[in-house]
Amino acid sequence: MRPAGALVAGVVLGSLSMKTRSIWAGFLVHATVAVLMDLLALDHRHELPTRLTPDSSVRLAFPYTSAVLFGVWVLAVTGLAFAFWRRHKRNAKVAL
């Protein structure tokens, strides 16, 4: 199943690159997805770091990690919905 996901992601990122005529949008999407996947996996396993460094006495206490990750997900979905709505609105004007 992984090759199919990689193929879909490649087509999506390639299309984004061709549309924007730059690799930077695809790079930002790829980096954002990678970081969010890592954070969500660590959060799911309850293994997010609790110290700044392994030898540090500074403890990281942020009880709202899940809420922040959910908020980022909601913002991403809202941005996609807005982009699709804007494209639909623009295509409706062209059709008339």
PDB file of N, CA and C in Angstrom:
ATOM      1  N   MET A   1       0.821  -1.203   0.000  1.00  0.00           N
ATOM      2  CA  MET A   1       0.000   0.000   0.000  1.00  0.00           C
ATOM      3  C   MET A   1       0.863   1.264   0.000  1.00  0.00           C
ATOM      4  N   ARG A   2       2.081   1.182   0.517  1.00  0.00           N
ATOM      5  CA  ARG A   2       2.940   2.360   0.570  1.00  0.00           C
ATOM      6  C   ARG A   2       3.278   2.921  -0.804  1.00  0.00           C
ATOM      7  N   PRO A   3       3.604   2.085  -1.789  1.00  0.00           N
ATOM      8  CA  PRO A   3       3.918   2.662  -3.101  1.00  0.00           C
ATOM      9  C   PRO A   3       2.748   3.452  -3.693  1.00  0.00           C
ATOM     10  N   ALA A   4       1.516   3.011  -3.438  1.00  0.00           N
ATOM     11  CA  ALA A   4       0.364   3.744  -3.958  1.00  0.00           C
ATOM     12  C   ALA A   4       0.263   5.122  -3.299  1.00  0.00           C
ATOM     13  N   GLY A   5       0.517   5.191  -2.002  1.00  0.00           N
ATOM     14  CA  GLY A   5       0.495   6.480  -1.307  1.00  0.00           C
ATOM     15  C   GLY A   5       1.591   7.397  -1.793  1.00  0.00           C
ATOM     16  N   ALA A   6       2.770   6.819  -2.037  1.00  0.00           N
ATOM     17  CA  ALA A   6       3.882   7.616  -2.552  1.00  0.00           C
ATOM     18  C   ALA A   6       3.573   8.118  -3.963  1.00  0.00           C
ATOM     19  N   LEU A   7       2.907   7.296  -4.738  1.00  0.00           N
ATOM     20  CA  LEU A   7       2.540   7.702  -6.096  1.00  0.00           C
ATOM     21  C   LEU A   7       1.542   8.863  -6.058  1.00  0.00           C
ATOM     22  N   VAL A   8       0.540   8.754  -5.210  1.00  0.00           N
ATOM     23  CA  VAL A   8      -0.457   9.823  -5.082  1.00  0.00           C
ATOM     24  C   VAL A   8       0.206  11.106  -4.576  1.00  0.00           C
ATOM     25  N   ALA A   9       1.040  10.983  -3.560  1.00  0.00           N
ATOM     26  CA  ALA A   9       1.731  12.169  -3.024  1.00  0.00           C
ATOM     27  C   ALA A   9       2.633  12.790  -4.082  1.00  0.00           C
ATOM     28  N   GLY A  10       3.310  11.954  -4.860  1.00  0.00           N
ATOM     29  CA  GLY A  10       4.169  12.466  -5.920  1.00  0.00           C
ATOM     30  C   GLY A  10       3.397  13.228  -6.976  1.00  0.00           C
ATOM     31  N   VAL A  11       2.232  12.697  -7.345  1.00  0.00           N
ATOM     32  CA  VAL A  11       1.394  13.380  -8.341  1.00  0.00           C
ATOM     33  C   VAL A  11       0.886  14.710  -7.779  1.00  0.00           C
ATOM     34  N   VAL A  12       0.452  14.702  -6.524  1.00  0.00           N
ATOM     35  CA  VAL A  12      -0.070  15.925  -5.906  1.00  0.00           C
ATOM     36  C   VAL A  12       1.036  16.976  -5.800  1.00  0.00           C
ATOM     37  N   LEU A  13       2.193  16.590  -5.278  1.00  0.00           N
ATOM     38  CA  LEU A  13       3.281  17.555  -5.122  1.00  0.00           C
ATOM     39  C   LEU A  13       3.822  18.001  -6.472  1.00  0.00           C
ATOM     40  N   GLY A  14       3.869  17.089  -7.436  1.00  0.00           N
ATOM     41  CA  GLY A  14       4.300  17.473  -8.779  1.00  0.00           C
ATOM     42  C   GLY A  14       3.341  18.445  -9.428  1.00  0.00           C
ATOM     43  N   SER A  15       2.041  18.199  -9.268  1.00  0.00           N
ATOM     44  CA  SER A  15       1.034  19.116  -9.815  1.00  0.00           C
ATOM     45  C   SER A  15       1.137  20.486  -9.162  1.00  0.00           C
ATOM     46  N   LEU A  16       1.348  20.498  -7.849  1.00  0.00           N
ATOM     47  CA  LEU A  16       1.506  21.765  -7.132  1.00  0.00           C
ATOM     48  C   LEU A  16       2.734  22.509  -7.646  1.00  0.00           C
ATOM     49  N   SER A  17       3.801  21.777  -7.876  1.00  0.00           N
ATOM     50  CA  SER A  17       5.028  22.373  -8.393  1.00  0.00           C
ATOM     51  C   SER A  17       4.821  22.956  -9.789  1.00  0.00           C
ATOM     52  N   MET A  18       4.113  22.221 -10.629  1.00  0.00           N
ATOM     53  CA  MET A  18       3.868  22.718 -11.985  1.00  0.00           C
ATOM     54  C   MET A  18       2.944  23.932 -11.979  1.00  0.00           C
ATOM     55  N   LYS A  19       1.943  23.912 -11.093  1.00  0.00           N
ATOM     56  CA  LYS A  19       0.991  25.027 -11.056  1.00  0.00           C
ATOM     57  C   LYS A  19       1.662  26.298 -10.542  1.00  0.00           C
ATOM     58  N   THR A  20       2.489  26.166  -9.499  1.00  0.00           N
ATOM     59  CA  THR A  20       3.134  27.354  -8.917  1.00  0.00           C
ATOM     60  C   THR A  20       4.447  27.695  -9.606  1.00  0.00           C
ATOM     61  N   ARG A  21       4.945  26.805 -10.448  1.00  0.00           N
ATOM     62  CA  ARG A  21       6.214  26.965 -11.157  1.00  0.00           C
ATOM     63  C   ARG A  21       7.383  27.154 -10.188  1.00  0.00           C
ATOM     64  N   SER A  22       7.278  26.472  -9.045  1.00  0.00           N
ATOM     65  CA  SER A  22       8.321  26.520  -8.025  1.00  0.00           C
ATOM     66  C   SER A  22       8.223  25.249  -7.188  1.00  0.00           C
ATOM     67  N   ILE A  23       9.349  24.834  -6.628  1.00  0.00           N
ATOM     68  CA  ILE A  23       9.320  23.651  -5.771  1.00  0.00           C
ATOM     69  C   ILE A  23       9.021  24.006  -4.320  1.00  0.00           C
ATOM     70  N   TRP A  24       8.999  25.279  -3.966  1.00  0.00           N
ATOM     71  CA  TRP A  24       8.903  25.681  -2.566  1.00  0.00           C
ATOM     72  C   TRP A  24       7.550  25.366  -1.939  1.00  0.00           C
ATOM     73  N   ALA A  25       6.470  25.476  -2.671  1.00  0.00           N
ATOM     74  CA  ALA A  25       5.163  25.128  -2.104  1.00  0.00           C
ATOM     75  C   ALA A  25       5.123  23.642  -1.776  1.00  0.00           C
ATOM     76  N   GLY A  26       5.613  22.815  -2.694  1.00  0.00           N
ATOM     77  CA  GLY A  26       5.668  21.377  -2.444  1.00  0.00           C
ATOM     78  C   GLY A  26       6.590  21.037  -1.294  1.00  0.00           C
ATOM     79  N   PHE A  27       7.716  21.744  -1.215  1.00  0.00           N
ATOM     80  CA  PHE A  27       8.646  21.538  -0.105  1.00  0.00           C
ATOM     81  C   PHE A  27       7.972  21.852   1.225  1.00  0.00           C
ATOM     82  N   LEU A  28       7.241  22.970   1.298  1.00  0.00           N
ATOM     83  CA  LEU A  28       6.558  23.345   2.540  1.00  0.00           C
ATOM     84  C   LEU A  28       5.468  22.344   2.907  1.00  0.00           C
ATOM     85  N   VAL A  29       4.722  21.883   1.908  1.00  0.00           N
ATOM     86  CA  VAL A  29       3.688  20.874   2.179  1.00  0.00           C
ATOM     87  C   VAL A  29       4.340  19.592   2.691  1.00  0.00           C
ATOM     88  N   HIS A  30       5.396  19.155   2.030  1.00  0.00           N
ATOM     89  CA  HIS A  30       6.083  17.926   2.420  1.00  0.00           C
ATOM     90  C   HIS A  30       6.643  18.036   3.836  1.00  0.00           C
ATOM     91  N   ALA A  31       7.294  19.138   4.148  1.00  0.00           N
ATOM     92  CA  ALA A  31       7.878  19.327   5.472  1.00  0.00           C
ATOM     93  C   ALA A  31       6.804  19.398   6.549  1.00  0.00           C
ATOM     94  N   THR A  32       5.719  20.102   6.259  1.00  0.00           N
ATOM     95  CA  THR A  32       4.630  20.223   7.233  1.00  0.00           C
ATOM     96  C   THR A  32       4.001  18.865   7.520  1.00  0.00           C
ATOM     97  N   VAL A  33       3.740  18.098   6.483  1.00  0.00           N
ATOM     98  CA  VAL A  33       3.148  16.771   6.671  1.00  0.00           C
ATOM     99  C   VAL A  33       4.102  15.881   7.465  1.00  0.00           C
ATOM    100  N   ALA A  34       5.385  15.930   7.159  1.00  0.00           N
ATOM    101  CA  ALA A  34       6.358  15.093   7.870  1.00  0.00           C
ATOM    102  C   ALA A  34       6.414  15.435   9.352  1.00  0.00           C
ATOM    103  N   VAL A  35       6.478  16.713   9.673  1.00  0.00           N
ATOM    104  CA  VAL A  35       6.551  17.129  11.076  1.00  0.00           C
ATOM    105  C   VAL A  35       5.264  16.765  11.805  1.00  0.00           C
ATOM    106  N   LEU A  36       4.115  17.026  11.186  1.00  0.00           N
ATOM    107  CA  LEU A  36       2.849  16.689  11.838  1.00  0.00           C
ATOM    108  C   LEU A  36       2.695  15.185  12.036  1.00  0.00           C
ATOM    109  N   MET A  37       3.116  14.390  11.065  1.00  0.00           N
ATOM    110  CA  MET A  37       3.024  12.935  11.227  1.00  0.00           C
ATOM    111  C   MET A  37       3.901  12.459  12.383  1.00  0.00           C
ATOM    112  N   ASP A  38       5.101  13.006  12.493  1.00  0.00           N
ATOM    113  CA  ASP A  38       5.973  12.630  13.606  1.00  0.00           C
ATOM    114  C   ASP A  38       5.372  13.036  14.948  1.00  0.00           C
ATOM    115  N   LEU A  39       4.880  14.267  15.023  1.00  0.00           N
ATOM    116  CA  LEU A  39       4.285  14.727  16.282  1.00  0.00           C
ATOM    117  C   LEU A  39       3.043  13.925  16.651  1.00  0.00           C
ATOM    118  N   LEU A  40       2.200  13.637  15.675  1.00  0.00           N
ATOM    119  CA  LEU A  40       0.996  12.853  15.963  1.00  0.00           C
ATOM    120  C   LEU A  40       1.332  11.429  16.389  1.00  0.00           C
ATOM    121  N   ALA A  41       2.348  10.825  15.765  1.00  0.00           N
ATOM    122  CA  ALA A  41       2.756   9.474  16.149  1.00  0.00           C
ATOM    123  C   ALA A  41       3.303   9.462  17.574  1.00  0.00           C
ATOM    124  N   LEU A  42       4.145  10.442  17.910  1.00  0.00           N
ATOM    125  CA  LEU A  42       4.679  10.516  19.271  1.00  0.00           C
ATOM    126  C   LEU A  42       3.583  10.794  20.287  1.00  0.00           C
ATOM    127  N   ASP A  43       2.647  11.662  19.941  1.00  0.00           N
ATOM    128  CA  ASP A  43       1.541  11.967  20.838  1.00  0.00           C
ATOM    129  C   ASP A  43       0.660  10.741  21.044  1.00  0.00           C
ATOM    130  N   HIS A  44       0.418   9.993  19.994  1.00  0.00           N
ATOM    131  CA  HIS A  44      -0.421   8.797  20.089  1.00  0.00           C
ATOM    132  C   HIS A  44       0.208   7.752  21.014  1.00  0.00           C
ATOM    133  N   ARG A  45       1.526   7.656  20.982  1.00  0.00           N
ATOM    134  CA  ARG A  45       2.227   6.691  21.828  1.00  0.00           C
ATOM    135  C   ARG A  45       2.576   7.275  23.195  1.00  0.00           C
ATOM    136  N   HIS A  46       2.162   8.504  23.458  1.00  0.00           N
ATOM    137  CA  HIS A  46       2.458   9.210  24.712  1.00  0.00           C
ATOM    138  C   HIS A  46       3.969   9.262  24.960  1.00  0.00           C
ATOM    139  N   GLU A  47       4.734   9.570  23.895  1.00  0.00           N
ATOM    140  CA  GLU A  47       6.186   9.637  24.012  1.00  0.00           C
ATOM    141  C   GLU A  47       6.750  10.981  23.573  1.00  0.00           C
ATOM    142  N   LEU A  48       5.954  12.026  23.649  1.00  0.00           N
ATOM    143  CA  LEU A  48       6.495  13.354  23.367  1.00  0.00           C
ATOM    144  C   LEU A  48       7.544  13.695  24.423  1.00  0.00           C
ATOM    145  N   PRO A  49       8.594  14.395  24.052  1.00  0.00           N
ATOM    146  CA  PRO A  49       9.661  14.699  25.023  1.00  0.00           C
ATOM    147  C   PRO A  49       9.136  15.504  26.208  1.00  0.00           C
ATOM    148  N   THR A  50       9.688  15.210  27.374  1.00  0.00           N
ATOM    149  CA  THR A  50       9.306  15.958  28.577  1.00  0.00           C
ATOM    150  C   THR A  50      10.460  16.806  29.085  1.00  0.00           C
ATOM    151  N   ARG A  51      11.621  16.682  28.481  1.00  0.00           N
ATOM    152  CA  ARG A  51      12.783  17.496  28.853  1.00  0.00           C
ATOM    153  C   ARG A  51      13.317  18.194  27.616  1.00  0.00           C
ATOM    154  N   LEU A  52      13.900  19.351  27.802  1.00  0.00           N
ATOM    155  CA  LEU A  52      14.449  20.128  26.704  1.00  0.00           C
ATOM    156  C   LEU A  52      15.614  19.396  26.029  1.00  0.00           C
ATOM    157  N   THR A  53      16.509  18.834  26.846  1.00  0.00           N
ATOM    158  CA  THR A  53      17.597  17.979  26.359  1.00  0.00           C
ATOM    159  C   THR A  53      17.678  16.784  27.307  1.00  0.00           C
ATOM    160  N   PRO A  54      18.360  15.700  26.933  1.00  0.00           N
ATOM    161  CA  PRO A  54      18.413  14.539  27.827  1.00  0.00           C
ATOM    162  C   PRO A  54      19.010  14.837  29.202  1.00  0.00           C
ATOM    163  N   ASP A  55      19.976  15.753  29.280  1.00  0.00           N
ATOM    164  CA  ASP A  55      20.613  16.072  30.569  1.00  0.00           C
ATOM    165  C   ASP A  55      20.014  17.306  31.229  1.00  0.00           C
ATOM    166  N   SER A  56      18.997  17.865  30.656  1.00  0.00           N
ATOM    167  CA  SER A  56      18.437  19.123  31.146  1.00  0.00           C
ATOM    168  C   SER A  56      17.549  18.907  32.366  1.00  0.00           C
ATOM    169  N   SER A  57      17.555  19.909  33.225  1.00  0.00           N
ATOM    170  CA  SER A  57      16.632  19.881  34.353  1.00  0.00           C
ATOM    171  C   SER A  57      15.343  20.625  34.007  1.00  0.00           C
ATOM    172  N   VAL A  58      15.342  21.292  32.863  1.00  0.00           N
ATOM    173  CA  VAL A  58      14.156  22.018  32.414  1.00  0.00           C
ATOM    174  C   VAL A  58      13.137  21.007  31.894  1.00  0.00           C
ATOM    175  N   ARG A  59      11.938  21.050  32.458  1.00  0.00           N
ATOM    176  CA  ARG A  59      10.897  20.121  32.049  1.00  0.00           C
ATOM    177  C   ARG A  59       9.886  20.846  31.159  1.00  0.00           C
ATOM    178  N   LEU A  60       9.484  20.167  30.122  1.00  0.00           N
ATOM    179  CA  LEU A  60       8.475  20.712  29.226  1.00  0.00           C
ATOM    180  C   LEU A  60       7.107  20.246  29.703  1.00  0.00           C
ATOM    181  N   ALA A  61       6.282  21.173  30.063  1.00  0.00           N
ATOM    182  CA  ALA A  61       4.942  20.820  30.514  1.00  0.00           C
ATOM    183  C   ALA A  61       3.942  21.567  29.642  1.00  0.00           C
ATOM    184  N   PHE A  62       3.364  20.866  28.690  1.00  0.00           N
ATOM    185  CA  PHE A  62       2.371  21.472  27.819  1.00  0.00           C
ATOM    186  C   PHE A  62       1.211  20.498  27.675  1.00  0.00           C
ATOM    187  N   PRO A  63       0.201  20.642  28.512  1.00  0.00           N
ATOM    188  CA  PRO A  63      -0.883  19.653  28.519  1.00  0.00           C
ATOM    189  C   PRO A  63      -1.832  19.754  27.322  1.00  0.00           C
ATOM    190  N   TYR A  64      -1.677  20.754  26.475  1.00  0.00           N
ATOM    191  CA  TYR A  64      -2.641  20.963  25.395  1.00  0.00           C
ATOM    192  C   TYR A  64      -2.083  20.570  24.027  1.00  0.00           C
ATOM    193  N   THR A  65      -1.127  19.657  23.990  1.00  0.00           N
ATOM    194  CA  THR A  65      -0.505  19.252  22.732  1.00  0.00           C
ATOM    195  C   THR A  65      -1.542  18.717  21.754  1.00  0.00           C
ATOM    196  N   SER A  66      -2.418  17.854  22.210  1.00  0.00           N
ATOM    197  CA  SER A  66      -3.435  17.272  21.326  1.00  0.00           C
ATOM    198  C   SER A  66      -4.353  18.348  20.769  1.00  0.00           C
ATOM    199  N   ALA A  67      -4.714  19.315  21.590  1.00  0.00           N
ATOM    200  CA  ALA A  67      -5.589  20.398  21.132  1.00  0.00           C
ATOM    201  C   ALA A  67      -4.900  21.245  20.069  1.00  0.00           C
ATOM    202  N   VAL A  68      -3.615  21.521  20.247  1.00  0.00           N
ATOM    203  CA  VAL A  68      -2.875  22.312  19.263  1.00  0.00           C
ATOM    204  C   VAL A  68      -2.752  21.547  17.942  1.00  0.00           C
ATOM    205  N   LEU A  69      -2.425  20.262  18.017  1.00  0.00           N
ATOM    206  CA  LEU A  69      -2.322  19.456  16.803  1.00  0.00           C
ATOM    207  C   LEU A  69      -3.668  19.366  16.091  1.00  0.00           C
ATOM    208  N   PHE A  70      -4.742  19.233  16.846  1.00  0.00           N
ATOM    209  CA  PHE A  70      -6.072  19.208  16.249  1.00  0.00           C
ATOM    210  C   PHE A  70      -6.383  20.558  15.601  1.00  0.00           C
ATOM    211  N   GLY A  71      -5.997  21.646  16.244  1.00  0.00           N
ATOM    212  CA  GLY A  71      -6.213  22.976  15.671  1.00  0.00           C
ATOM    213  C   GLY A  71      -5.455  23.168  14.372  1.00  0.00           C
ATOM    214  N   VAL A  72      -4.229  22.668  14.306  1.00  0.00           N
ATOM    215  CA  VAL A  72      -3.452  22.750  13.068  1.00  0.00           C
ATOM    216  C   VAL A  72      -4.141  21.957  11.969  1.00  0.00           C
ATOM    217  N   TRP A  73      -4.652  20.780  12.317  1.00  0.00           N
ATOM    218  CA  TRP A  73      -5.366  19.953  11.346  1.00  0.00           C
ATOM    219  C   TRP A  73      -6.616  20.679  10.837  1.00  0.00           C
ATOM    220  N   VAL A  74      -7.366  21.297  11.740  1.00  0.00           N
ATOM    221  CA  VAL A  74      -8.571  22.038  11.346  1.00  0.00           C
ATOM    222  C   VAL A  74      -8.211  23.209  10.430  1.00  0.00           C
ATOM    223  N   LEU A  75      -7.143  23.918  10.736  1.00  0.00           N
ATOM    224  CA  LEU A  75      -6.705  25.016   9.873  1.00  0.00           C
ATOM    225  C   LEU A  75      -6.317  24.522   8.483  1.00  0.00           C
ATOM    226  N   ALA A  76      -5.639  23.385   8.414  1.00  0.00           N
ATOM    227  CA  ALA A  76      -5.249  22.833   7.112  1.00  0.00           C
ATOM    228  C   ALA A  76      -6.474  22.447   6.298  1.00  0.00           C
ATOM    229  N   VAL A  77      -7.434  21.789   6.920  1.00  0.00           N
ATOM    230  CA  VAL A  77      -8.652  21.386   6.213  1.00  0.00           C
ATOM    231  C   VAL A  77      -9.450  22.617   5.793  1.00  0.00           C
ATOM    232  N   THR A  78      -9.508  23.620   6.641  1.00  0.00           N
ATOM    233  CA  THR A  78     -10.216  24.857   6.298  1.00  0.00           C
ATOM    234  C   THR A  78      -9.540  25.549   5.122  1.00  0.00           C
ATOM    235  N   GLY A  79      -8.222  25.582   5.112  1.00  0.00           N
ATOM    236  CA  GLY A  79      -7.495  26.180   3.993  1.00  0.00           C
ATOM    237  C   GLY A  79      -7.758  25.445   2.689  1.00  0.00           C
ATOM    238  N   LEU A  80      -7.776  24.129   2.736  1.00  0.00           N
ATOM    239  CA  LEU A  80      -8.092  23.352   1.542  1.00  0.00           C
ATOM    240  C   LEU A  80      -9.518  23.617   1.066  1.00  0.00           C
ATOM    241  N   ALA A  81     -10.456  23.637   1.996  1.00  0.00           N
ATOM    242  CA  ALA A  81     -11.846  23.902   1.631  1.00  0.00           C
ATOM    243  C   ALA A  81     -11.982  25.288   0.995  1.00  0.00           C
ATOM    244  N   PHE A  82     -11.304  26.273   1.547  1.00  0.00           N
ATOM    245  CA  PHE A  82     -11.355  27.621   0.988  1.00  0.00           C
ATOM    246  C   PHE A  82     -10.760  27.653  -0.414  1.00  0.00           C
ATOM    247  N   ALA A  83      -9.638  26.946  -0.605  1.00  0.00           N
ATOM    248  CA  ALA A  83      -9.005  26.915  -1.930  1.00  0.00           C
ATOM    249  C   ALA A  83      -9.930  26.263  -2.955  1.00  0.00           C
ATOM    250  N   PHE A  84     -10.583  25.172  -2.588  1.00  0.00           N
ATOM    251  CA  PHE A  84     -11.514  24.517  -3.512  1.00  0.00           C
ATOM    252  C   PHE A  84     -12.722  25.404  -3.796  1.00  0.00           C
ATOM    253  N   TRP A  85     -13.214  26.096  -2.764  1.00  0.00           N
ATOM    254  CA  TRP A  85     -14.362  26.984  -2.952  1.00  0.00           C
ATOM    255  C   TRP A  85     -13.996  28.124  -3.894  1.00  0.00           C
ATOM    256  N   ARG A  86     -12.803  28.686  -3.710  1.00  0.00           N
ATOM    257  CA  ARG A  86     -12.357  29.778  -4.559  1.00  0.00           C
ATOM    258  C   ARG A  86     -12.181  29.325  -6.005  1.00  0.00           C
ATOM    259  N   ARG A  87     -11.635  28.136  -6.188  1.00  0.00           N
ATOM    260  CA  ARG A  87     -11.474  27.612  -7.543  1.00  0.00           C
ATOM    261  C   ARG A  87     -12.836  27.359  -8.184  1.00  0.00           C
ATOM    262  N   HIS A  88     -13.772  26.819  -7.424  1.00  0.00           N
ATOM    263  CA  HIS A  88     -15.122  26.566  -7.949  1.00  0.00           C
ATOM    264  C   HIS A  88     -15.795  27.881  -8.334  1.00  0.00           C
ATOM    265  N   LYS A  89     -15.641  28.887  -7.510  1.00  0.00           N
ATOM    266  CA  LYS A  89     -16.232  30.195  -7.784  1.00  0.00           C
ATOM    267  C   LYS A  89     -15.635  30.804  -9.050  1.00  0.00           C
ATOM    268  N   ARG A  90     -14.310  30.685  -9.205  1.00  0.00           N
ATOM    269  CA  ARG A  90     -13.638  31.217 -10.399  1.00  0.00           C
ATOM    270  C   ARG A  90     -14.062  30.457 -11.651  1.00  0.00           C
ATOM    271  N   ASN A  91     -14.179  29.130 -11.570  1.00  0.00           N
ATOM    272  CA  ASN A  91     -14.613  28.344 -12.718  1.00  0.00           C
ATOM    273  C   ASN A  91     -16.057  28.606 -13.086  1.00  0.00           C
ATOM    274  N   ALA A  92     -16.886  28.931 -12.109  1.00  0.00           N
ATOM    275  CA  ALA A  92     -18.289  29.259 -12.392  1.00  0.00           C
ATOM    276  C   ALA A  92     -18.382  30.573 -13.174  1.00  0.00           C
ATOM    277  N   LYS A  93     -17.509  31.541 -12.853  1.00  0.00           N
ATOM    278  CA  LYS A  93     -17.500  32.811 -13.586  1.00  0.00           C
ATOM    279  C   LYS A  93     -17.046  32.612 -15.023  1.00  0.00           C
ATOM    280  N   VAL A  94     -16.051  31.742 -15.218  1.00  0.00           N
ATOM    281  CA  VAL A  94     -15.543  31.497 -16.559  1.00  0.00           C
ATOM    282  C   VAL A  94     -16.595  30.799 -17.406  1.00  0.00           C
ATOM    283  N   ALA A  95     -17.383  29.896 -16.822  1.00  0.00           N
ATOM    284  CA  ALA A  95     -18.407  29.152 -17.557  1.00  0.00           C
ATOM    285  C   ALA A  95     -19.541  30.060 -18.002  1.00  0.00           C
ATOM    286  N   LEU A  96     -19.771  31.153 -17.279  1.00  0.00           N
ATOM    287  CA  LEU A  96     -20.871  32.057 -17.644  1.00  0.00           C
ATOM    288  C   LEU A  96     -20.458  32.957 -18.721  1.00  0.00           C
TER     289      LEU A  96
END
